[in-house]
Amino acid sequence: REVLDEAPKPEVPLIPAPKSDQADFLGDVLAIAEVSPNAAIPFAWQNLERVFLDTLSQIQGFSDKIAGYRIAQNIEMLREEGVLSAEDTRLLHDLRRLRNEVAHNMISADSITFKTARDYAIQCLQFADRMAALKESHKKKG
């Protein structure tokens, strides 16, 4: 019997931890997207989710209503409280859905382009900035 050599496995880049500086973080996401646009989607989402949950946990009146990591319920809670507009709610759900579809291989690997990953990352960063500003505005009030 002939033994076939295993095909060399492609190198997978290590995903760096998110940086506080948004320009550097976007650079990290874009570097990942160059190699694998699909991998950039959950990486960009994790930063937004972290800021989102951190904001909720620090705003008085919301910290006791947080639905753990059930982000969809947290988004709806903010909409019901008037913190998020219908448009913001739709955008967050769209970002969450795409992340879930990519993370759970519900879409083909080649359906996410570099441009899609870049646009997604920019939207996540913009929303993370808005959530951080919301947290700061409530700190000043409280």
C-alpha atoms as a PDB file:
ATOM      1  CA  ARG A   1       0.000   0.000   0.000  1.00  0.00           C
ATOM      2  CA  GLU A   2       1.256   3.428  -0.902  1.00  0.00           C
ATOM      3  CA  VAL A   3       1.363   6.022   1.836  1.00  0.00           C
ATOM      4  CA  LEU A   4       0.298   9.442   0.698  1.00  0.00           C
ATOM      5  CA  ASP A   5       1.948  12.448   2.226  1.00  0.00           C
ATOM      6  CA  GLU A   6      -0.443  14.729   3.971  1.00  0.00           C
ATOM      7  CA  ALA A   7      -0.964  17.981   2.165  1.00  0.00           C
ATOM      8  CA  PRO A   8       0.713  20.839   3.985  1.00  0.00           C
ATOM      9  CA  LYS A   9      -1.731  22.667   6.185  1.00  0.00           C
ATOM     10  CA  PRO A  10      -2.030  26.406   5.655  1.00  0.00           C
ATOM     11  CA  GLU A  11      -0.720  28.564   8.445  1.00  0.00           C
ATOM     12  CA  VAL A  12      -3.461  30.146  10.481  1.00  0.00           C
ATOM     13  CA  PRO A  13      -2.515  33.566  11.804  1.00  0.00           C
ATOM     14  CA  LEU A  14      -2.866  34.137  15.521  1.00  0.00           C
ATOM     15  CA  ILE A  15      -5.722  36.521  16.205  1.00  0.00           C
ATOM     16  CA  PRO A  16      -4.485  39.398  18.327  1.00  0.00           C
ATOM     17  CA  ALA A  17      -6.447  40.604  21.333  1.00  0.00           C
ATOM     18  CA  PRO A  18      -8.560  43.716  20.736  1.00  0.00           C
ATOM     19  CA  LYS A  19      -6.733  46.967  21.349  1.00  0.00           C
ATOM     20  CA  SER A  20      -8.266  50.012  22.935  1.00  0.00           C
ATOM     21  CA  ASP A  21      -7.132  52.204  20.083  1.00  0.00           C
ATOM     22  CA  GLN A  22      -9.809  51.897  17.391  1.00  0.00           C
ATOM     23  CA  ALA A  23      -7.461  52.590  14.461  1.00  0.00           C
ATOM     24  CA  ASP A  24      -5.136  49.791  15.568  1.00  0.00           C
ATOM     25  CA  PHE A  25      -8.076  47.481  16.141  1.00  0.00           C
ATOM     26  CA  LEU A  26      -9.446  48.193  12.671  1.00  0.00           C
ATOM     27  CA  GLY A  27      -5.991  47.486  11.294  1.00  0.00           C
ATOM     28  CA  ASP A  28      -5.999  44.134  13.085  1.00  0.00           C
ATOM     29  CA  VAL A  29      -9.429  43.278  11.702  1.00  0.00           C
ATOM     30  CA  LEU A  30      -8.386  44.229   8.179  1.00  0.00           C
ATOM     31  CA  ALA A  31      -5.207  42.153   8.472  1.00  0.00           C
ATOM     32  CA  ILE A  32      -7.349  39.172   9.461  1.00  0.00           C
ATOM     33  CA  ALA A  33      -9.808  39.917   6.635  1.00  0.00           C
ATOM     34  CA  GLU A  34      -6.950  39.834   4.113  1.00  0.00           C
ATOM     35  CA  VAL A  35      -6.300  36.218   5.088  1.00  0.00           C
ATOM     36  CA  SER A  36      -9.848  35.138   5.942  1.00  0.00           C
ATOM     37  CA  PRO A  37     -12.768  37.555   5.627  1.00  0.00           C
ATOM     38  CA  ASN A  38     -14.936  35.072   7.554  1.00  0.00           C
ATOM     39  CA  ALA A  39     -12.576  35.126  10.552  1.00  0.00           C
ATOM     40  CA  ALA A  40     -12.745  38.925  10.703  1.00  0.00           C
ATOM     41  CA  ILE A  41     -16.516  38.920  11.325  1.00  0.00           C
ATOM     42  CA  PRO A  42     -16.565  37.274  14.787  1.00  0.00           C
ATOM     43  CA  PHE A  43     -13.390  39.141  15.736  1.00  0.00           C
ATOM     44  CA  ALA A  44     -15.048  42.504  14.997  1.00  0.00           C
ATOM     45  CA  TRP A  45     -18.254  41.405  16.736  1.00  0.00           C
ATOM     46  CA  GLN A  46     -16.502  40.374  19.958  1.00  0.00           C
ATOM     47  CA  ASN A  47     -15.270  43.936  20.467  1.00  0.00           C
ATOM     48  CA  LEU A  48     -18.756  45.381  19.959  1.00  0.00           C
ATOM     49  CA  GLU A  49     -20.318  42.776  22.230  1.00  0.00           C
ATOM     50  CA  ARG A  50     -17.764  43.482  24.974  1.00  0.00           C
ATOM     51  CA  VAL A  51     -18.428  47.243  24.829  1.00  0.00           C
ATOM     52  CA  PHE A  52     -22.192  46.643  24.639  1.00  0.00           C
ATOM     53  CA  LEU A  53     -22.274  44.426  27.740  1.00  0.00           C
ATOM     54  CA  ASP A  54     -19.833  46.670  29.615  1.00  0.00           C
ATOM     55  CA  THR A  55     -22.047  49.673  28.883  1.00  0.00           C
ATOM     56  CA  LEU A  56     -25.170  47.879  30.071  1.00  0.00           C
ATOM     57  CA  SER A  57     -23.504  46.712  33.250  1.00  0.00           C
ATOM     58  CA  GLN A  58     -22.466  50.233  34.193  1.00  0.00           C
ATOM     59  CA  ILE A  59     -25.654  52.158  33.477  1.00  0.00           C
ATOM     60  CA  GLN A  60     -27.829  52.426  36.544  1.00  0.00           C
ATOM     61  CA  GLY A  61     -31.214  50.860  35.945  1.00  0.00           C
ATOM     62  CA  PHE A  62     -29.925  48.498  33.265  1.00  0.00           C
ATOM     63  CA  SER A  63     -27.348  46.502  35.188  1.00  0.00           C
ATOM     64  CA  ASP A  64     -30.088  44.521  36.958  1.00  0.00           C
ATOM     65  CA  LYS A  65     -31.934  43.855  33.678  1.00  0.00           C
ATOM     66  CA  ILE A  66     -29.059  42.370  31.696  1.00  0.00           C
ATOM     67  CA  ALA A  67     -29.986  39.037  30.163  1.00  0.00           C
ATOM     68  CA  GLY A  68     -26.484  37.607  30.512  1.00  0.00           C
ATOM     69  CA  TYR A  69     -24.945  36.890  27.153  1.00  0.00           C
ATOM     70  CA  ARG A  70     -28.319  36.725  25.411  1.00  0.00           C
ATOM     71  CA  ILE A  71     -27.443  39.678  23.272  1.00  0.00           C
ATOM     72  CA  ALA A  72     -30.706  39.636  21.276  1.00  0.00           C
ATOM     73  CA  GLN A  73     -32.716  40.104  24.464  1.00  0.00           C
ATOM     74  CA  ASN A  74     -30.400  42.878  25.630  1.00  0.00           C
ATOM     75  CA  ILE A  75     -30.821  44.685  22.315  1.00  0.00           C
ATOM     76  CA  GLU A  76     -34.610  44.447  22.591  1.00  0.00           C
ATOM     77  CA  MET A  77     -34.531  45.624  26.201  1.00  0.00           C
ATOM     78  CA  LEU A  78     -32.665  48.771  25.147  1.00  0.00           C
ATOM     79  CA  ARG A  79     -35.158  49.363  22.343  1.00  0.00           C
ATOM     80  CA  GLU A  80     -38.084  48.987  24.743  1.00  0.00           C
ATOM     81  CA  GLU A  81     -36.415  51.428  27.169  1.00  0.00           C
ATOM     82  CA  GLY A  82     -36.031  53.968  24.368  1.00  0.00           C
ATOM     83  CA  VAL A  83     -32.233  53.836  24.387  1.00  0.00           C
ATOM     84  CA  LEU A  84     -31.991  52.335  20.895  1.00  0.00           C
ATOM     85  CA  SER A  85     -33.957  53.543  17.907  1.00  0.00           C
ATOM     86  CA  ALA A  86     -35.682  51.079  15.598  1.00  0.00           C
ATOM     87  CA  GLU A  87     -32.892  51.658  13.074  1.00  0.00           C
ATOM     88  CA  ASP A  88     -30.155  50.981  15.645  1.00  0.00           C
ATOM     89  CA  THR A  89     -32.005  47.878  16.809  1.00  0.00           C
ATOM     90  CA  ARG A  90     -32.241  46.575  13.235  1.00  0.00           C
ATOM     91  CA  LEU A  91     -28.541  47.303  12.621  1.00  0.00           C
ATOM     92  CA  LEU A  92     -27.441  45.490  15.777  1.00  0.00           C
ATOM     93  CA  HIS A  93     -29.609  42.481  14.965  1.00  0.00           C
ATOM     94  CA  ASP A  94     -28.208  42.416  11.411  1.00  0.00           C
ATOM     95  CA  LEU A  95     -24.642  42.524  12.744  1.00  0.00           C
ATOM     96  CA  ARG A  96     -25.457  39.790  15.277  1.00  0.00           C
ATOM     97  CA  ARG A  97     -27.126  37.604  12.646  1.00  0.00           C
ATOM     98  CA  LEU A  98     -24.196  37.810  10.250  1.00  0.00           C
ATOM     99  CA  ARG A  99     -21.774  36.958  13.054  1.00  0.00           C
ATOM    100  CA  ASN A 100     -23.896  33.928  13.988  1.00  0.00           C
ATOM    101  CA  GLU A 101     -24.174  32.772  10.390  1.00  0.00           C
ATOM    102  CA  VAL A 102     -20.408  32.988   9.929  1.00  0.00           C
ATOM    103  CA  ALA A 103     -19.555  31.470  13.320  1.00  0.00           C
ATOM    104  CA  HIS A 104     -21.891  28.519  12.790  1.00  0.00           C
ATOM    105  CA  ASN A 105     -20.939  27.945   9.141  1.00  0.00           C
ATOM    106  CA  MET A 106     -24.458  28.739   7.961  1.00  0.00           C
ATOM    107  CA  ILE A 107     -23.088  30.574   4.912  1.00  0.00           C
ATOM    108  CA  SER A 108     -20.406  29.516   2.486  1.00  0.00           C
ATOM    109  CA  ALA A 109     -16.860  30.576   3.248  1.00  0.00           C
ATOM    110  CA  ASP A 110     -16.516  32.442  -0.041  1.00  0.00           C
ATOM    111  CA  SER A 111     -19.668  34.525   0.420  1.00  0.00           C
ATOM    112  CA  ILE A 112     -17.895  36.970   2.747  1.00  0.00           C
ATOM    113  CA  THR A 113     -15.579  39.279   0.831  1.00  0.00           C
ATOM    114  CA  PHE A 114     -12.865  41.547   2.159  1.00  0.00           C
ATOM    115  CA  LYS A 115     -15.166  44.526   1.514  1.00  0.00           C
ATOM    116  CA  THR A 116     -18.000  42.890   3.475  1.00  0.00           C
ATOM    117  CA  ALA A 117     -15.652  42.182   6.389  1.00  0.00           C
ATOM    118  CA  ARG A 118     -14.244  45.729   6.282  1.00  0.00           C
ATOM    119  CA  ASP A 119     -17.697  47.326   6.217  1.00  0.00           C
ATOM    120  CA  TYR A 120     -18.850  45.035   9.013  1.00  0.00           C
ATOM    121  CA  ALA A 121     -15.841  45.945  11.151  1.00  0.00           C
ATOM    122  CA  ILE A 122     -16.405  49.657  10.609  1.00  0.00           C
ATOM    123  CA  GLN A 123     -20.073  49.350  11.581  1.00  0.00           C
ATOM    124  CA  CYS A 124     -19.128  47.403  14.717  1.00  0.00           C
ATOM    125  CA  LEU A 125     -16.531  49.997  15.701  1.00  0.00           C
ATOM    126  CA  GLN A 126     -18.915  52.883  15.083  1.00  0.00           C
ATOM    127  CA  PHE A 127     -21.583  51.250  17.203  1.00  0.00           C
ATOM    128  CA  ALA A 128     -19.072  50.409  19.927  1.00  0.00           C
ATOM    129  CA  ASP A 129     -18.103  54.096  20.010  1.00  0.00           C
ATOM    130  CA  ARG A 130     -21.760  55.072  20.391  1.00  0.00           C
ATOM    131  CA  MET A 131     -22.241  52.582  23.224  1.00  0.00           C
ATOM    132  CA  ALA A 132     -19.118  53.867  24.984  1.00  0.00           C
ATOM    133  CA  ALA A 133     -20.419  57.442  24.624  1.00  0.00           C
ATOM    134  CA  LEU A 134     -23.747  56.325  26.104  1.00  0.00           C
ATOM    135  CA  LYS A 135     -21.919  54.866  29.091  1.00  0.00           C
ATOM    136  CA  GLU A 136     -19.932  58.095  29.574  1.00  0.00           C
ATOM    137  CA  SER A 137     -23.049  60.262  29.356  1.00  0.00           C
ATOM    138  CA  HIS A 138     -24.733  58.171  32.066  1.00  0.00           C
ATOM    139  CA  LYS A 139     -21.632  58.362  34.278  1.00  0.00           C
ATOM    140  CA  LYS A 140     -21.835  62.144  34.202  1.00  0.00           C
ATOM    141  CA  LYS A 141     -25.543  62.083  35.077  1.00  0.00           C
ATOM    142  CA  GLY A 142     -25.182  59.491  37.831  1.00  0.00           C
END
